[in-house]
Amino acid sequence: MLILALDASTDIGSVAIGDRSSIIAASTLPAQGAHSESMLPAIRDLLTRADVAIGSLEGIAVGSGPGSFTGLRVGAALAKGLCFARGLPLYAYSSLSAVVAGIPVEGNACAMFDARGGRVFAATYESSMPLVDLAAPQVWTVPELITELQPLDTWTFGGDGAMRHEDLIVAAGGRLLPEHLSRPRAEALLHLTRERPEGRVGDVRCWQPEYLLPSAAERLSDRRVLR
């Protein structure tokens, strides 16, 4: 089954194409670019490099968040558009799981994305091969999360939230993934389609990313209503 995977949940987006047994090609989007401008050209380039016609695709996999509100909307719109246009099934997985899935990790794993305002999105896993969920994505302050996971010497952390708060994590006894692995990877989404076929979305029309927090525009609107 030939699947195109994409994730736009953080500043560094990624796309990959593969089947049930292997990854054919993968690309990382430039961190400084807007996903709304770079994601579609990256997909076109990936298909060209992989010598795969878009009509040969049999499914789309997408990172479902949490993460950047704008990035998630871009990724969701592209994924759903491709599914509608081609009549393809959609597979959706937590973007946090796409940090650690398929990577050998000693002990437990915690994926963290920066949620701004001193907060992080975080989810925890018992292992990464196969991935076993411990706690679903939630919003935490870093001190709260560190306290919750003590002792940290059995934990490996990944994601841009972990990189940003490296000093606190290491001081508490935690380990970090190498920087080049510490991001959601479209390749990991392909891994999850093999490991978790139940991630297939039942109704693509109704599916939405997992934002967890309101957008900046929604927060501003709420403040205006309260005045």
C-alpha atoms as a PDB file:
ATOM      1  CA  MET A   1       0.000   0.000   0.000  1.00  0.00           C
ATOM      2  CA  LEU A   2       1.684   3.202  -1.197  1.00  0.00           C
ATOM      3  CA  ILE A   3       1.151   6.021   1.309  1.00  0.00           C
ATOM      4  CA  LEU A   4       2.124   9.690   1.315  1.00  0.00           C
ATOM      5  CA  ALA A   5       2.737  11.057   4.828  1.00  0.00           C
ATOM      6  CA  LEU A   6       3.021  14.671   5.931  1.00  0.00           C
ATOM      7  CA  ASP A   7       3.403  16.603   9.157  1.00  0.00           C
ATOM      8  CA  ALA A   8       3.195  20.379   9.625  1.00  0.00           C
ATOM      9  CA  SER A   9       2.688  20.546  13.392  1.00  0.00           C
ATOM     10  CA  THR A  10       5.946  22.371  14.176  1.00  0.00           C
ATOM     11  CA  ASP A  11       8.292  24.834  12.481  1.00  0.00           C
ATOM     12  CA  ILE A  12      10.089  21.966  10.728  1.00  0.00           C
ATOM     13  CA  GLY A  13       7.624  20.131   8.498  1.00  0.00           C
ATOM     14  CA  SER A  14       8.265  16.861   6.720  1.00  0.00           C
ATOM     15  CA  VAL A  15       6.905  14.629   3.962  1.00  0.00           C
ATOM     16  CA  ALA A  16       7.593  10.995   3.122  1.00  0.00           C
ATOM     17  CA  ILE A  17       6.373   8.276   0.832  1.00  0.00           C
ATOM     18  CA  GLY A  18       6.535   4.549   1.380  1.00  0.00           C
ATOM     19  CA  ASP A  19       4.699   1.261   1.512  1.00  0.00           C
ATOM     20  CA  ARG A  20       3.970  -1.258   4.226  1.00  0.00           C
ATOM     21  CA  SER A  21       7.581  -2.453   4.323  1.00  0.00           C
ATOM     22  CA  SER A  22       9.878   0.467   3.490  1.00  0.00           C
ATOM     23  CA  ILE A  23      10.358   4.211   3.087  1.00  0.00           C
ATOM     24  CA  ILE A  24      10.923   5.194  -0.534  1.00  0.00           C
ATOM     25  CA  ALA A  25      11.789   8.876  -0.036  1.00  0.00           C
ATOM     26  CA  ALA A  26      11.512  11.600   2.607  1.00  0.00           C
ATOM     27  CA  SER A  27      12.131  15.337   2.854  1.00  0.00           C
ATOM     28  CA  THR A  28      12.352  17.939   5.604  1.00  0.00           C
ATOM     29  CA  LEU A  29      10.897  21.383   4.955  1.00  0.00           C
ATOM     30  CA  PRO A  30      13.030  24.458   5.687  1.00  0.00           C
ATOM     31  CA  ALA A  31      12.371  25.781   9.174  1.00  0.00           C
ATOM     32  CA  GLN A  32      12.234  29.387   8.009  1.00  0.00           C
ATOM     33  CA  GLY A  33       9.540  28.796   5.386  1.00  0.00           C
ATOM     34  CA  ALA A  34       5.765  28.956   5.772  1.00  0.00           C
ATOM     35  CA  HIS A  35       4.190  25.517   5.396  1.00  0.00           C
ATOM     36  CA  SER A  36       1.358  27.045   3.374  1.00  0.00           C
ATOM     37  CA  GLU A  37       3.927  27.911   0.714  1.00  0.00           C
ATOM     38  CA  SER A  38       6.401  25.047   0.994  1.00  0.00           C
ATOM     39  CA  MET A  39       4.389  21.898   1.738  1.00  0.00           C
ATOM     40  CA  LEU A  40       2.723  21.365  -1.641  1.00  0.00           C
ATOM     41  CA  PRO A  41       5.936  21.983  -3.667  1.00  0.00           C
ATOM     42  CA  ALA A  42       7.736  19.594  -1.281  1.00  0.00           C
ATOM     43  CA  ILE A  43       5.138  16.904  -1.987  1.00  0.00           C
ATOM     44  CA  ARG A  44       5.455  17.413  -5.743  1.00  0.00           C
ATOM     45  CA  ASP A  45       9.251  17.226  -5.527  1.00  0.00           C
ATOM     46  CA  LEU A  46       9.068  14.099  -3.358  1.00  0.00           C
ATOM     47  CA  LEU A  47       6.800  12.310  -5.825  1.00  0.00           C
ATOM     48  CA  THR A  48       9.132  13.267  -8.667  1.00  0.00           C
ATOM     49  CA  ARG A  49      12.245  12.042  -6.849  1.00  0.00           C
ATOM     50  CA  ALA A  50      10.505   8.815  -5.871  1.00  0.00           C
ATOM     51  CA  ASP A  51       9.254   8.381  -9.455  1.00  0.00           C
ATOM     52  CA  VAL A  52       5.729   7.897  -8.138  1.00  0.00           C
ATOM     53  CA  ALA A  53       2.644   9.207  -9.933  1.00  0.00           C
ATOM     54  CA  ILE A  54       0.076  10.811  -7.659  1.00  0.00           C
ATOM     55  CA  GLY A  55      -2.496   8.417  -9.111  1.00  0.00           C
ATOM     56  CA  SER A  56      -0.493   5.509  -7.653  1.00  0.00           C
ATOM     57  CA  LEU A  57      -1.058   6.640  -4.064  1.00  0.00           C
ATOM     58  CA  GLU A  58      -3.302   4.396  -1.985  1.00  0.00           C
ATOM     59  CA  GLY A  59      -3.532   6.447   1.194  1.00  0.00           C
ATOM     60  CA  ILE A  60      -2.536   9.652   3.012  1.00  0.00           C
ATOM     61  CA  ALA A  61      -1.129   9.823   6.557  1.00  0.00           C
ATOM     62  CA  VAL A  62      -1.067  13.090   8.509  1.00  0.00           C
ATOM     63  CA  GLY A  63       0.176  14.335  11.860  1.00  0.00           C
ATOM     64  CA  SER A  64      -2.965  15.276  13.775  1.00  0.00           C
ATOM     65  CA  GLY A  65      -1.362  17.591  16.311  1.00  0.00           C
ATOM     66  CA  PRO A  66      -1.114  19.110  18.773  1.00  0.00           C
ATOM     67  CA  GLY A  67       1.210  21.863  17.646  1.00  0.00           C
ATOM     68  CA  SER A  68       1.162  25.033  15.588  1.00  0.00           C
ATOM     69  CA  PHE A  69      -2.442  26.029  14.887  1.00  0.00           C
ATOM     70  CA  THR A  70      -1.625  27.388  11.432  1.00  0.00           C
ATOM     71  CA  GLY A  71       0.632  24.482  10.529  1.00  0.00           C
ATOM     72  CA  LEU A  72      -1.976  21.922  11.571  1.00  0.00           C
ATOM     73  CA  ARG A  73      -4.617  23.642   9.449  1.00  0.00           C
ATOM     74  CA  VAL A  74      -2.285  23.595   6.439  1.00  0.00           C
ATOM     75  CA  GLY A  75      -1.465  19.915   6.906  1.00  0.00           C
ATOM     76  CA  ALA A  76      -5.092  18.964   7.459  1.00  0.00           C
ATOM     77  CA  ALA A  77      -6.297  20.893   4.414  1.00  0.00           C
ATOM     78  CA  LEU A  78      -3.693  19.297   2.154  1.00  0.00           C
ATOM     79  CA  ALA A  79      -4.293  15.790   3.486  1.00  0.00           C
ATOM     80  CA  LYS A  80      -8.075  16.044   3.219  1.00  0.00           C
ATOM     81  CA  GLY A  81      -7.875  17.680  -0.209  1.00  0.00           C
ATOM     82  CA  LEU A  82      -5.742  14.830  -1.551  1.00  0.00           C
ATOM     83  CA  CYS A  83      -8.106  12.271  -0.055  1.00  0.00           C
ATOM     84  CA  PHE A  84     -11.188  13.916  -1.565  1.00  0.00           C
ATOM     85  CA  ALA A  85      -9.575  14.434  -4.960  1.00  0.00           C
ATOM     86  CA  ARG A  86      -8.330  10.858  -5.234  1.00  0.00           C
ATOM     87  CA  GLY A  87     -10.831   8.956  -3.107  1.00  0.00           C
ATOM     88  CA  LEU A  88      -8.058   7.868  -0.735  1.00  0.00           C
ATOM     89  CA  PRO A  89      -8.273   6.762   2.897  1.00  0.00           C
ATOM     90  CA  LEU A  90      -6.833   9.094   5.545  1.00  0.00           C
ATOM     91  CA  TYR A  91      -4.718   7.924   8.469  1.00  0.00           C
ATOM     92  CA  ALA A  92      -4.191  10.352  11.368  1.00  0.00           C
ATOM     93  CA  TYR A  93      -1.772   9.994  14.271  1.00  0.00           C
ATOM     94  CA  SER A  94      -0.619  12.272  17.059  1.00  0.00           C
ATOM     95  CA  SER A  95       2.285  14.428  15.901  1.00  0.00           C
ATOM     96  CA  LEU A  96       3.847  13.790  19.308  1.00  0.00           C
ATOM     97  CA  SER A  97       3.906  10.063  18.585  1.00  0.00           C
ATOM     98  CA  ALA A  98       5.666  10.883  15.304  1.00  0.00           C
ATOM     99  CA  VAL A  99       8.673  12.048  17.357  1.00  0.00           C
ATOM    100  CA  VAL A 100       9.382   8.701  19.015  1.00  0.00           C
ATOM    101  CA  ALA A 101       7.659   6.010  16.913  1.00  0.00           C
ATOM    102  CA  GLY A 102      10.122   3.600  15.353  1.00  0.00           C
ATOM    103  CA  ILE A 103      13.130   4.897  17.318  1.00  0.00           C
ATOM    104  CA  PRO A 104      14.714   2.514  19.859  1.00  0.00           C
ATOM    105  CA  VAL A 105      14.402   4.243  23.235  1.00  0.00           C
ATOM    106  CA  GLU A 106      15.638   2.851  26.535  1.00  0.00           C
ATOM    107  CA  GLY A 107      12.879   3.022  29.151  1.00  0.00           C
ATOM    108  CA  ASN A 108       9.975   5.444  28.728  1.00  0.00           C
ATOM    109  CA  ALA A 109       9.591   8.251  26.195  1.00  0.00           C
ATOM    110  CA  CYS A 110       8.056  11.708  26.463  1.00  0.00           C
ATOM    111  CA  ALA A 111       7.447  13.866  23.386  1.00  0.00           C
ATOM    112  CA  MET A 112       7.076  17.602  23.990  1.00  0.00           C
ATOM    113  CA  PHE A 113       6.193  20.529  21.728  1.00  0.00           C
ATOM    114  CA  ASP A 114       6.502  24.157  22.736  1.00  0.00           C
ATOM    115  CA  ALA A 115       3.007  25.570  23.398  1.00  0.00           C
ATOM    116  CA  ARG A 116       4.291  29.055  24.301  1.00  0.00           C
ATOM    117  CA  GLY A 117       3.540  30.938  27.487  1.00  0.00           C
ATOM    118  CA  GLY A 118       5.786  28.592  29.475  1.00  0.00           C
ATOM    119  CA  ARG A 119       3.692  25.574  28.480  1.00  0.00           C
ATOM    120  CA  VAL A 120       4.263  22.428  26.433  1.00  0.00           C
ATOM    121  CA  PHE A 121       2.131  19.845  24.697  1.00  0.00           C
ATOM    122  CA  ALA A 122       3.285  16.450  25.949  1.00  0.00           C
ATOM    123  CA  ALA A 123       2.438  12.771  25.631  1.00  0.00           C
ATOM    124  CA  THR A 124       4.165   9.774  27.195  1.00  0.00           C
ATOM    125  CA  TYR A 125       4.903   6.280  25.960  1.00  0.00           C
ATOM    126  CA  GLU A 126       6.066   3.071  27.611  1.00  0.00           C
ATOM    127  CA  SER A 127       8.271   2.181  24.664  1.00  0.00           C
ATOM    128  CA  SER A 128       8.692   3.153  21.049  1.00  0.00           C
ATOM    129  CA  MET A 129       9.011  -0.202  19.231  1.00  0.00           C
ATOM    130  CA  PRO A 130       6.124  -0.969  19.220  1.00  0.00           C
ATOM    131  CA  LEU A 131       4.699   2.280  20.528  1.00  0.00           C
ATOM    132  CA  VAL A 132       2.679   1.849  23.738  1.00  0.00           C
ATOM    133  CA  ASP A 133       0.678   4.852  24.981  1.00  0.00           C
ATOM    134  CA  LEU A 134       0.936   5.862  28.629  1.00  0.00           C
ATOM    135  CA  ALA A 135      -0.747   9.277  28.685  1.00  0.00           C
ATOM    136  CA  ALA A 136      -2.557  11.078  25.869  1.00  0.00           C
ATOM    137  CA  PRO A 137      -1.444  14.547  24.724  1.00  0.00           C
ATOM    138  CA  GLN A 138      -2.048  17.233  27.329  1.00  0.00           C
ATOM    139  CA  VAL A 139      -0.941  20.785  28.089  1.00  0.00           C
ATOM    140  CA  TRP A 140       1.583  21.146  30.930  1.00  0.00           C
ATOM    141  CA  THR A 141       4.006  23.604  32.416  1.00  0.00           C
ATOM    142  CA  VAL A 142       7.480  22.081  32.340  1.00  0.00           C
ATOM    143  CA  PRO A 143       7.911  22.033  36.162  1.00  0.00           C
ATOM    144  CA  GLU A 144       4.530  20.277  36.502  1.00  0.00           C
ATOM    145  CA  LEU A 145       5.495  17.681  33.914  1.00  0.00           C
ATOM    146  CA  ILE A 146       8.895  17.032  35.485  1.00  0.00           C
ATOM    147  CA  THR A 147       7.258  16.541  38.876  1.00  0.00           C
ATOM    148  CA  GLU A 148       4.661  14.183  37.366  1.00  0.00           C
ATOM    149  CA  LEU A 149       7.304  11.977  35.692  1.00  0.00           C
ATOM    150  CA  GLN A 150       9.783  11.667  38.566  1.00  0.00           C
ATOM    151  CA  PRO A 151      12.192   9.944  38.666  1.00  0.00           C
ATOM    152  CA  LEU A 152      13.388  11.149  35.259  1.00  0.00           C
ATOM    153  CA  ASP A 153      16.317   8.754  34.935  1.00  0.00           C
ATOM    154  CA  THR A 154      14.025   6.262  33.152  1.00  0.00           C
ATOM    155  CA  TRP A 155      12.814   8.841  30.605  1.00  0.00           C
ATOM    156  CA  THR A 156      13.988   9.996  27.176  1.00  0.00           C
ATOM    157  CA  PHE A 157      12.567  13.304  25.885  1.00  0.00           C
ATOM    158  CA  GLY A 158      12.120  14.554  22.336  1.00  0.00           C
ATOM    159  CA  GLY A 159      10.487  17.407  20.443  1.00  0.00           C
ATOM    160  CA  ASP A 160      11.161  21.122  20.228  1.00  0.00           C
ATOM    161  CA  GLY A 161       9.696  21.578  23.735  1.00  0.00           C
ATOM    162  CA  ALA A 162      12.334  19.227  25.113  1.00  0.00           C
ATOM    163  CA  MET A 163      15.104  21.017  23.233  1.00  0.00           C
ATOM    164  CA  ARG A 164      13.907  24.385  24.532  1.00  0.00           C
ATOM    165  CA  HIS A 165      13.839  23.179  28.141  1.00  0.00           C
ATOM    166  CA  GLU A 166      16.897  20.931  27.929  1.00  0.00           C
ATOM    167  CA  ASP A 167      18.582  22.434  30.998  1.00  0.00           C
ATOM    168  CA  LEU A 168      15.606  21.708  33.280  1.00  0.00           C
ATOM    169  CA  ILE A 169      15.178  18.179  31.946  1.00  0.00           C
ATOM    170  CA  VAL A 170      18.837  17.217  32.183  1.00  0.00           C
ATOM    171  CA  ALA A 171      19.163  18.773  35.644  1.00  0.00           C
ATOM    172  CA  ALA A 172      16.261  16.573  36.782  1.00  0.00           C
ATOM    173  CA  GLY A 173      17.947  13.442  35.402  1.00  0.00           C
ATOM    174  CA  GLY A 174      16.235  13.050  32.011  1.00  0.00           C
ATOM    175  CA  ARG A 175      17.821  12.197  28.653  1.00  0.00           C
ATOM    176  CA  LEU A 176      17.213  13.882  25.293  1.00  0.00           C
ATOM    177  CA  LEU A 177      17.021  12.441  21.819  1.00  0.00           C
ATOM    178  CA  PRO A 178      19.682  13.727  19.403  1.00  0.00           C
ATOM    179  CA  GLU A 179      18.597  17.021  17.852  1.00  0.00           C
ATOM    180  CA  HIS A 180      18.153  15.571  14.344  1.00  0.00           C
ATOM    181  CA  LEU A 181      15.631  13.065  15.739  1.00  0.00           C
ATOM    182  CA  SER A 182      13.905  15.475  18.096  1.00  0.00           C
ATOM    183  CA  ARG A 183      11.059  16.442  15.776  1.00  0.00           C
ATOM    184  CA  PRO A 184       7.933  14.829  14.309  1.00  0.00           C
ATOM    185  CA  ARG A 185       8.918  12.827  11.237  1.00  0.00           C
ATOM    186  CA  ALA A 186       6.667  11.903   8.336  1.00  0.00           C
ATOM    187  CA  GLU A 187       8.638   8.643   8.163  1.00  0.00           C
ATOM    188  CA  ALA A 188       7.333   7.811  11.636  1.00  0.00           C
ATOM    189  CA  LEU A 189       3.767   8.324  10.400  1.00  0.00           C
ATOM    190  CA  LEU A 190       4.445   5.666   7.754  1.00  0.00           C
ATOM    191  CA  HIS A 191       5.722   3.412  10.524  1.00  0.00           C
ATOM    192  CA  LEU A 192       2.499   4.002  12.459  1.00  0.00           C
ATOM    193  CA  THR A 193       0.279   3.064   9.500  1.00  0.00           C
ATOM    194  CA  ARG A 194       1.910  -0.359   9.637  1.00  0.00           C
ATOM    195  CA  GLU A 195       1.795  -0.600  13.412  1.00  0.00           C
ATOM    196  CA  ARG A 196      -1.600   1.028  14.021  1.00  0.00           C
ATOM    197  CA  PRO A 197      -3.963   0.540  11.063  1.00  0.00           C
ATOM    198  CA  GLU A 198      -6.796   1.574  13.384  1.00  0.00           C
ATOM    199  CA  GLY A 199      -5.588   5.144  12.808  1.00  0.00           C
ATOM    200  CA  ARG A 200      -7.664   5.175   9.628  1.00  0.00           C
ATOM    201  CA  VAL A 201     -10.210   8.012   9.799  1.00  0.00           C
ATOM    202  CA  GLY A 202     -13.830   6.928   9.471  1.00  0.00           C
ATOM    203  CA  ASP A 203     -15.276  10.161   8.057  1.00  0.00           C
ATOM    204  CA  VAL A 204     -12.658  12.342   6.389  1.00  0.00           C
ATOM    205  CA  ARG A 205     -15.132  15.224   6.026  1.00  0.00           C
ATOM    206  CA  CYS A 206     -15.614  15.527   9.803  1.00  0.00           C
ATOM    207  CA  TRP A 207     -12.012  14.914  10.868  1.00  0.00           C
ATOM    208  CA  GLN A 208     -10.121  17.815  12.466  1.00  0.00           C
ATOM    209  CA  PRO A 209      -6.622  18.081  13.999  1.00  0.00           C
ATOM    210  CA  GLU A 210      -6.146  17.933  17.758  1.00  0.00           C
ATOM    211  CA  TYR A 211      -5.387  21.551  18.661  1.00  0.00           C
ATOM    212  CA  LEU A 212      -5.731  21.272  22.503  1.00  0.00           C
ATOM    213  CA  LEU A 213      -5.470  25.071  22.814  1.00  0.00           C
ATOM    214  CA  PRO A 214      -7.488  27.820  21.066  1.00  0.00           C
ATOM    215  CA  SER A 215      -5.798  29.845  18.366  1.00  0.00           C
ATOM    216  CA  ALA A 216      -4.512  33.368  19.025  1.00  0.00           C
ATOM    217  CA  ALA A 217      -7.469  34.756  17.073  1.00  0.00           C
ATOM    218  CA  GLU A 218      -9.921  32.768  19.189  1.00  0.00           C
ATOM    219  CA  ARG A 219      -8.288  33.965  22.408  1.00  0.00           C
ATOM    220  CA  LEU A 220      -8.461  37.576  21.218  1.00  0.00           C
ATOM    221  CA  SER A 221     -12.116  37.149  20.279  1.00  0.00           C
ATOM    222  CA  ASP A 222     -12.906  35.710  23.713  1.00  0.00           C
ATOM    223  CA  ARG A 223     -11.257  38.688  25.419  1.00  0.00           C
ATOM    224  CA  ARG A 224     -13.310  41.112  23.326  1.00  0.00           C
ATOM    225  CA  VAL A 225     -16.542  39.308  24.218  1.00  0.00           C
ATOM    226  CA  LEU A 226     -15.713  39.517  27.932  1.00  0.00           C
ATOM    227  CA  ARG A 227     -15.191  43.290  27.811  1.00  0.00           C
END
